[in-house]
Amino acid sequence: RAFSRALGAVWTGHTAEKSPEKLDCIIDTTPVWKPVVEALKNLEPGGRLVINAIRKEEGDKDALLELDYPTHIWQEKEIKSVANVSRRDVSEFLALAAEMDLKPEVQVFALNEANEALVELKTKQIRGAKVLRID
């Protein structure tokens, strides 16, 4: 959450919490469905929920049965998946990143530090990307 705030997110609360104000855009990076349903409650009319996941787990897919049209979808709310990125998406993003001087964060680990990198991933000590360097 701190990383998201550092990148400019206005709110990074737990998905079950109500945001202090309705949000224009929410990015969901979780592998489950319940946060999707909860996020839709926090979107303002015309807002967009972006799901950044390659796949969602099946375990809680029944959470989708909680969707209530007036609460979750009405007033032109959007749900967009961005798991598949196009060449155009990359070009547009790179232009924006250059314009705002965006700098990626990368942690480099030597191959003999692979276990440390895996432990950090497992314990969600993630800031940017982790890279294994093979010498």
N, C-alpha and C. Protein backbone atom coordinates (compact mmCIF):
# COMPACT_ATOMS: atom_id res chain seq x y z
N ARG A 1 0.81 -1.20 0.00
CA ARG A 1 0.00 0.00 0.00
C ARG A 1 0.86 1.26 0.00
N ALA A 2 1.95 1.22 0.78
CA ALA A 2 2.83 2.39 0.83
C ALA A 2 3.40 2.68 -0.56
N PHE A 3 3.72 1.62 -1.29
CA PHE A 3 4.26 1.79 -2.64
C PHE A 3 3.22 2.47 -3.54
N SER A 4 1.97 2.04 -3.45
CA SER A 4 0.90 2.66 -4.25
C SER A 4 0.73 4.13 -3.89
N ARG A 5 0.78 4.42 -2.59
CA ARG A 5 0.68 5.83 -2.17
C ARG A 5 1.84 6.65 -2.72
N ALA A 6 3.04 6.05 -2.68
CA ALA A 6 4.22 6.76 -3.20
C ALA A 6 4.09 7.05 -4.69
N LEU A 7 3.32 6.21 -5.39
CA LEU A 7 3.11 6.42 -6.83
C LEU A 7 1.94 7.36 -7.11
N GLY A 8 1.26 7.83 -6.04
CA GLY A 8 0.21 8.82 -6.23
C GLY A 8 -1.21 8.36 -5.96
N ALA A 9 -1.40 7.13 -5.47
CA ALA A 9 -2.76 6.68 -5.16
C ALA A 9 -3.33 7.55 -4.04
N VAL A 10 -4.60 7.94 -4.17
CA VAL A 10 -5.21 8.79 -3.15
C VAL A 10 -5.75 7.98 -1.98
N TRP A 11 -5.99 6.68 -2.18
CA TRP A 11 -6.48 5.83 -1.10
C TRP A 11 -6.01 4.41 -1.35
N THR A 12 -5.53 3.75 -0.31
CA THR A 12 -5.03 2.38 -0.45
C THR A 12 -5.55 1.50 0.67
N GLY A 13 -6.80 1.66 1.01
CA GLY A 13 -7.40 0.90 2.11
C GLY A 13 -7.67 -0.55 1.76
N HIS A 14 -8.11 -1.29 2.76
CA HIS A 14 -8.50 -2.69 2.58
C HIS A 14 -9.75 -2.74 1.71
N THR A 15 -9.88 -3.76 0.92
CA THR A 15 -11.00 -3.83 -0.02
C THR A 15 -12.36 -3.88 0.67
N ALA A 16 -12.42 -4.34 1.91
CA ALA A 16 -13.69 -4.40 2.63
C ALA A 16 -14.05 -3.05 3.26
N GLU A 17 -13.12 -2.09 3.25
CA GLU A 17 -13.37 -0.77 3.83
C GLU A 17 -14.04 0.14 2.80
N LYS A 18 -14.76 1.12 3.32
CA LYS A 18 -15.34 2.14 2.45
C LYS A 18 -14.31 3.24 2.28
N SER A 19 -14.05 3.65 1.05
CA SER A 19 -13.11 4.74 0.82
C SER A 19 -13.71 6.05 1.34
N PRO A 20 -12.85 7.00 1.75
CA PRO A 20 -13.36 8.27 2.28
C PRO A 20 -14.25 9.02 1.29
N GLU A 21 -14.00 8.83 0.02
CA GLU A 21 -14.83 9.42 -1.03
C GLU A 21 -14.86 8.44 -2.20
N LYS A 22 -15.86 8.56 -3.06
CA LYS A 22 -15.93 7.70 -4.23
C LYS A 22 -14.72 7.97 -5.13
N LEU A 23 -14.22 6.93 -5.78
CA LEU A 23 -12.99 7.02 -6.55
C LEU A 23 -13.25 6.98 -8.06
N ASP A 24 -12.39 7.66 -8.82
CA ASP A 24 -12.48 7.65 -10.29
C ASP A 24 -12.05 6.31 -10.86
N CYS A 25 -11.01 5.75 -10.27
CA CYS A 25 -10.43 4.51 -10.79
C CYS A 25 -9.89 3.68 -9.64
N ILE A 26 -10.07 2.39 -9.73
CA ILE A 26 -9.53 1.44 -8.75
C ILE A 26 -8.80 0.37 -9.53
N ILE A 27 -7.62 0.00 -9.05
CA ILE A 27 -6.85 -1.08 -9.67
C ILE A 27 -6.87 -2.27 -8.72
N ASP A 28 -7.37 -3.39 -9.20
CA ASP A 28 -7.42 -4.63 -8.42
C ASP A 28 -6.31 -5.55 -8.89
N THR A 29 -5.42 -5.93 -7.99
CA THR A 29 -4.31 -6.83 -8.33
C THR A 29 -4.43 -8.16 -7.59
N THR A 30 -5.58 -8.41 -7.00
CA THR A 30 -5.76 -9.64 -6.21
C THR A 30 -6.13 -10.82 -7.11
N PRO A 31 -5.90 -12.05 -6.63
CA PRO A 31 -6.26 -13.22 -7.42
C PRO A 31 -7.68 -13.73 -7.14
N VAL A 32 -8.48 -12.97 -6.38
CA VAL A 32 -9.81 -13.44 -5.96
C VAL A 32 -10.90 -12.45 -6.38
N TRP A 33 -12.17 -12.86 -6.23
CA TRP A 33 -13.31 -12.10 -6.73
C TRP A 33 -13.92 -11.13 -5.73
N LYS A 34 -13.90 -11.42 -4.45
CA LYS A 34 -14.55 -10.57 -3.45
C LYS A 34 -14.09 -9.11 -3.55
N PRO A 35 -12.79 -8.82 -3.71
CA PRO A 35 -12.37 -7.42 -3.84
C PRO A 35 -12.97 -6.71 -5.05
N VAL A 36 -13.30 -7.44 -6.10
CA VAL A 36 -13.92 -6.84 -7.28
C VAL A 36 -15.30 -6.30 -6.90
N VAL A 37 -16.07 -7.13 -6.20
CA VAL A 37 -17.42 -6.73 -5.78
C VAL A 37 -17.33 -5.53 -4.84
N GLU A 38 -16.41 -5.58 -3.88
CA GLU A 38 -16.25 -4.49 -2.91
C GLU A 38 -15.78 -3.21 -3.60
N ALA A 39 -14.86 -3.33 -4.55
CA ALA A 39 -14.33 -2.14 -5.23
C ALA A 39 -15.42 -1.39 -5.98
N LEU A 40 -16.33 -2.12 -6.59
CA LEU A 40 -17.40 -1.48 -7.35
C LEU A 40 -18.25 -0.56 -6.48
N LYS A 41 -18.36 -0.87 -5.19
CA LYS A 41 -19.12 0.00 -4.27
C LYS A 41 -18.41 1.34 -4.07
N ASN A 42 -17.10 1.36 -4.21
CA ASN A 42 -16.31 2.57 -3.97
C ASN A 42 -16.08 3.43 -5.21
N LEU A 43 -16.61 3.00 -6.35
CA LEU A 43 -16.44 3.77 -7.59
C LEU A 43 -17.50 4.86 -7.71
N GLU A 44 -17.08 6.02 -8.20
CA GLU A 44 -18.05 7.07 -8.48
C GLU A 44 -18.71 6.78 -9.83
N PRO A 45 -19.85 7.39 -10.11
CA PRO A 45 -20.49 7.19 -11.41
C PRO A 45 -19.49 7.48 -12.54
N GLY A 46 -19.45 6.59 -13.52
CA GLY A 46 -18.52 6.73 -14.63
C GLY A 46 -17.11 6.25 -14.31
N GLY A 47 -16.90 5.74 -13.09
CA GLY A 47 -15.58 5.26 -12.68
C GLY A 47 -15.22 3.94 -13.33
N ARG A 48 -13.94 3.62 -13.26
CA ARG A 48 -13.44 2.40 -13.89
C ARG A 48 -12.70 1.53 -12.88
N LEU A 49 -13.05 0.25 -12.87
CA LEU A 49 -12.32 -0.75 -12.10
C LEU A 49 -11.43 -1.50 -13.08
N VAL A 50 -10.12 -1.45 -12.84
CA VAL A 50 -9.16 -2.13 -13.71
C VAL A 50 -8.67 -3.37 -12.98
N ILE A 51 -8.87 -4.53 -13.59
CA ILE A 51 -8.41 -5.78 -13.01
C ILE A 51 -7.10 -6.14 -13.68
N ASN A 52 -6.04 -6.11 -12.89
CA ASN A 52 -4.70 -6.42 -13.40
C ASN A 52 -4.31 -7.80 -12.86
N ALA A 53 -4.83 -8.82 -13.49
CA ALA A 53 -4.54 -10.19 -13.07
C ALA A 53 -4.60 -11.09 -14.29
N ILE A 54 -3.74 -12.08 -14.32
CA ILE A 54 -3.75 -13.02 -15.43
C ILE A 54 -4.94 -13.96 -15.30
N ARG A 55 -5.27 -14.32 -14.05
CA ARG A 55 -6.44 -15.16 -13.80
C ARG A 55 -6.94 -14.91 -12.40
N LYS A 56 -8.18 -15.30 -12.15
CA LYS A 56 -8.79 -15.21 -10.83
C LYS A 56 -9.03 -16.63 -10.34
N GLU A 57 -8.91 -16.83 -9.03
CA GLU A 57 -9.14 -18.15 -8.44
C GLU A 57 -10.63 -18.47 -8.45
N GLU A 58 -10.93 -19.74 -8.39
CA GLU A 58 -12.32 -20.19 -8.42
C GLU A 58 -12.96 -20.22 -7.03
N GLY A 59 -12.14 -20.25 -5.98
CA GLY A 59 -12.63 -20.47 -4.61
C GLY A 59 -13.73 -19.54 -4.14
N ASP A 60 -13.69 -18.28 -4.53
CA ASP A 60 -14.71 -17.35 -4.05
C ASP A 60 -15.55 -16.76 -5.19
N LYS A 61 -15.65 -17.47 -6.29
CA LYS A 61 -16.40 -16.91 -7.42
C LYS A 61 -17.87 -16.68 -7.09
N ASP A 62 -18.37 -17.32 -6.03
CA ASP A 62 -19.74 -17.08 -5.60
C ASP A 62 -19.94 -15.64 -5.13
N ALA A 63 -18.85 -14.94 -4.83
CA ALA A 63 -18.95 -13.53 -4.43
C ALA A 63 -19.61 -12.71 -5.53
N LEU A 64 -19.48 -13.16 -6.78
CA LEU A 64 -20.09 -12.45 -7.90
C LEU A 64 -21.62 -12.46 -7.82
N LEU A 65 -22.17 -13.44 -7.09
CA LEU A 65 -23.62 -13.49 -6.92
C LEU A 65 -24.13 -12.34 -6.06
N GLU A 66 -23.22 -11.67 -5.35
CA GLU A 66 -23.60 -10.53 -4.51
C GLU A 66 -23.76 -9.25 -5.34
N LEU A 67 -23.39 -9.28 -6.61
CA LEU A 67 -23.51 -8.08 -7.44
C LEU A 67 -24.97 -7.63 -7.50
N ASP A 68 -25.17 -6.36 -7.20
CA ASP A 68 -26.48 -5.74 -7.24
C ASP A 68 -26.38 -4.59 -8.25
N TYR A 69 -27.17 -4.64 -9.29
CA TYR A 69 -27.01 -3.68 -10.39
C TYR A 69 -26.98 -2.22 -9.91
N PRO A 70 -27.96 -1.76 -9.13
CA PRO A 70 -27.92 -0.35 -8.72
C PRO A 70 -26.71 0.01 -7.85
N THR A 71 -26.26 -0.91 -7.03
CA THR A 71 -25.14 -0.64 -6.11
C THR A 71 -23.79 -0.73 -6.80
N HIS A 72 -23.62 -1.73 -7.64
CA HIS A 72 -22.30 -2.03 -8.17
C HIS A 72 -22.03 -1.56 -9.60
N ILE A 73 -23.04 -1.50 -10.44
CA ILE A 73 -22.79 -1.29 -11.87
C ILE A 73 -23.48 -0.05 -12.44
N TRP A 74 -24.63 0.30 -11.93
CA TRP A 74 -25.41 1.41 -12.48
C TRP A 74 -24.60 2.69 -12.53
N GLN A 75 -24.98 3.61 -13.34
CA GLN A 75 -24.34 4.91 -13.54
C GLN A 75 -23.01 4.77 -14.29
N GLU A 76 -23.01 3.90 -15.26
CA GLU A 76 -21.92 3.78 -16.22
C GLU A 76 -20.56 3.43 -15.62
N LYS A 77 -20.56 2.60 -14.60
CA LYS A 77 -19.29 2.11 -14.07
C LYS A 77 -18.72 1.10 -15.06
N GLU A 78 -17.39 1.05 -15.16
CA GLU A 78 -16.73 0.14 -16.11
C GLU A 78 -15.85 -0.85 -15.37
N ILE A 79 -15.73 -2.04 -15.95
CA ILE A 79 -14.76 -3.03 -15.49
C ILE A 79 -13.88 -3.34 -16.69
N LYS A 80 -12.58 -3.23 -16.51
CA LYS A 80 -11.64 -3.46 -17.61
C LYS A 80 -10.53 -4.40 -17.14
N SER A 81 -10.19 -5.35 -17.97
CA SER A 81 -9.07 -6.25 -17.71
C SER A 81 -7.87 -5.78 -18.50
N VAL A 82 -6.70 -5.81 -17.88
CA VAL A 82 -5.49 -5.38 -18.58
C VAL A 82 -4.41 -6.45 -18.56
N ALA A 83 -4.80 -7.70 -18.47
CA ALA A 83 -3.82 -8.79 -18.43
C ALA A 83 -3.08 -8.92 -19.75
N ASN A 84 -3.75 -8.57 -20.84
CA ASN A 84 -3.12 -8.66 -22.15
C ASN A 84 -2.83 -7.26 -22.65
N VAL A 85 -1.57 -6.93 -22.75
CA VAL A 85 -1.15 -5.60 -23.13
C VAL A 85 -0.79 -5.58 -24.61
N SER A 86 -1.30 -4.58 -25.33
CA SER A 86 -1.01 -4.47 -26.77
C SER A 86 0.21 -3.57 -27.00
N ARG A 87 0.72 -3.61 -28.21
CA ARG A 87 1.85 -2.74 -28.61
C ARG A 87 1.45 -1.27 -28.43
N ARG A 88 0.22 -0.95 -28.81
CA ARG A 88 -0.26 0.43 -28.66
C ARG A 88 -0.29 0.84 -27.18
N ASP A 89 -0.75 -0.07 -26.30
CA ASP A 89 -0.77 0.23 -24.87
C ASP A 89 0.63 0.58 -24.38
N VAL A 90 1.61 -0.21 -24.79
CA VAL A 90 2.99 0.01 -24.36
C VAL A 90 3.49 1.35 -24.88
N SER A 91 3.23 1.65 -26.14
CA SER A 91 3.67 2.93 -26.71
C SER A 91 3.08 4.11 -25.97
N GLU A 92 1.77 4.04 -25.70
CA GLU A 92 1.11 5.13 -24.98
C GLU A 92 1.65 5.25 -23.56
N PHE A 93 1.86 4.11 -22.91
CA PHE A 93 2.37 4.14 -21.54
C PHE A 93 3.78 4.72 -21.49
N LEU A 94 4.63 4.30 -22.41
CA LEU A 94 6.01 4.80 -22.40
C LEU A 94 6.06 6.31 -22.62
N ALA A 95 5.18 6.81 -23.48
CA ALA A 95 5.13 8.26 -23.70
C ALA A 95 4.71 8.98 -22.42
N LEU A 96 3.70 8.45 -21.73
CA LEU A 96 3.27 9.04 -20.47
C LEU A 96 4.35 8.93 -19.40
N ALA A 97 4.99 7.77 -19.32
CA ALA A 97 6.04 7.56 -18.32
C ALA A 97 7.19 8.55 -18.52
N ALA A 98 7.57 8.78 -19.76
CA ALA A 98 8.65 9.74 -20.05
C ALA A 98 8.22 11.15 -19.68
N GLU A 99 6.96 11.46 -19.96
CA GLU A 99 6.44 12.79 -19.66
C GLU A 99 6.44 13.08 -18.16
N MET A 100 6.13 12.06 -17.36
CA MET A 100 6.06 12.28 -15.91
C MET A 100 7.33 11.81 -15.20
N ASP A 101 8.36 11.47 -15.94
CA ASP A 101 9.64 11.05 -15.38
C ASP A 101 9.48 9.85 -14.43
N LEU A 102 8.70 8.88 -14.86
CA LEU A 102 8.46 7.68 -14.07
C LEU A 102 9.70 6.80 -14.06
N LYS A 103 10.12 6.38 -12.89
CA LYS A 103 11.30 5.53 -12.75
C LYS A 103 10.88 4.19 -12.13
N PRO A 104 11.09 3.09 -12.84
CA PRO A 104 10.74 1.78 -12.27
C PRO A 104 11.67 1.43 -11.12
N GLU A 105 11.15 0.66 -10.18
CA GLU A 105 11.97 0.18 -9.08
C GLU A 105 12.29 -1.28 -9.34
N VAL A 106 13.56 -1.61 -9.30
CA VAL A 106 14.01 -2.97 -9.58
C VAL A 106 15.00 -3.38 -8.49
N GLN A 107 14.78 -4.56 -7.92
CA GLN A 107 15.73 -5.13 -6.97
C GLN A 107 16.44 -6.27 -7.67
N VAL A 108 17.76 -6.22 -7.70
CA VAL A 108 18.55 -7.25 -8.36
C VAL A 108 19.15 -8.16 -7.29
N PHE A 109 18.99 -9.46 -7.49
CA PHE A 109 19.54 -10.47 -6.59
C PHE A 109 20.51 -11.35 -7.37
N ALA A 110 21.62 -11.69 -6.74
CA ALA A 110 22.53 -12.68 -7.34
C ALA A 110 21.82 -14.03 -7.28
N LEU A 111 22.20 -14.94 -8.14
CA LEU A 111 21.55 -16.25 -8.18
C LEU A 111 21.60 -16.94 -6.82
N ASN A 112 22.72 -16.78 -6.09
CA ASN A 112 22.82 -17.43 -4.78
C ASN A 112 21.93 -16.76 -3.72
N GLU A 113 21.25 -15.66 -4.09
CA GLU A 113 20.30 -15.00 -3.20
C GLU A 113 18.84 -15.29 -3.60
N ALA A 114 18.66 -16.28 -4.46
CA ALA A 114 17.32 -16.60 -4.97
C ALA A 114 16.35 -16.93 -3.85
N ASN A 115 16.81 -17.69 -2.85
CA ASN A 115 15.91 -18.04 -1.74
C ASN A 115 15.43 -16.79 -1.01
N GLU A 116 16.31 -15.83 -0.80
CA GLU A 116 15.93 -14.57 -0.14
C GLU A 116 14.86 -13.85 -0.97
N ALA A 117 15.06 -13.80 -2.27
CA ALA A 117 14.08 -13.15 -3.15
C ALA A 117 12.73 -13.86 -3.08
N LEU A 118 12.75 -15.19 -3.05
CA LEU A 118 11.50 -15.96 -2.97
C LEU A 118 10.79 -15.73 -1.65
N VAL A 119 11.55 -15.67 -0.56
CA VAL A 119 10.95 -15.40 0.76
C VAL A 119 10.29 -14.02 0.75
N GLU A 120 10.96 -13.04 0.17
CA GLU A 120 10.39 -11.69 0.10
C GLU A 120 9.11 -11.68 -0.73
N LEU A 121 9.08 -12.43 -1.82
CA LEU A 121 7.86 -12.53 -2.62
C LEU A 121 6.74 -13.17 -1.82
N LYS A 122 7.08 -14.27 -1.14
CA LYS A 122 6.07 -15.00 -0.36
C LYS A 122 5.50 -14.14 0.76
N THR A 123 6.36 -13.33 1.39
CA THR A 123 5.92 -12.49 2.51
C THR A 123 5.48 -11.11 2.04
N LYS A 124 5.30 -10.98 0.73
CA LYS A 124 4.78 -9.74 0.12
C LYS A 124 5.67 -8.53 0.37
N GLN A 125 6.97 -8.75 0.43
CA GLN A 125 7.92 -7.64 0.52
C GLN A 125 8.32 -7.26 -0.91
N ILE A 126 7.35 -6.74 -1.62
CA ILE A 126 7.55 -6.47 -3.04
C ILE A 126 7.50 -4.96 -3.28
N ARG A 127 8.51 -4.45 -3.89
CA ARG A 127 8.56 -3.06 -4.34
C ARG A 127 9.10 -3.09 -5.75
N GLY A 128 8.24 -2.93 -6.70
CA GLY A 128 8.69 -3.00 -8.08
C GLY A 128 8.94 -4.44 -8.50
N ALA A 129 10.00 -4.65 -9.27
CA ALA A 129 10.31 -5.98 -9.80
C ALA A 129 11.54 -6.56 -9.11
N LYS A 130 11.58 -7.87 -9.02
CA LYS A 130 12.75 -8.58 -8.51
C LYS A 130 13.37 -9.32 -9.69
N VAL A 131 14.69 -9.22 -9.81
CA VAL A 131 15.41 -9.82 -10.93
C VAL A 131 16.54 -10.66 -10.38
N LEU A 132 16.68 -11.89 -10.90
CA LEU A 132 17.83 -12.73 -10.55
C LEU A 132 18.92 -12.52 -11.58
N ARG A 133 20.10 -12.18 -11.11
CA ARG A 133 21.25 -11.96 -12.00
C ARG A 133 22.09 -13.24 -12.01
N ILE A 134 22.31 -13.79 -13.17
CA ILE A 134 23.12 -15.00 -13.31
C ILE A 134 24.47 -14.58 -13.89
N ASP A 135 25.51 -14.76 -13.10
CA ASP A 135 26.86 -14.37 -13.54
C ASP A 135 27.57 -15.52 -14.22
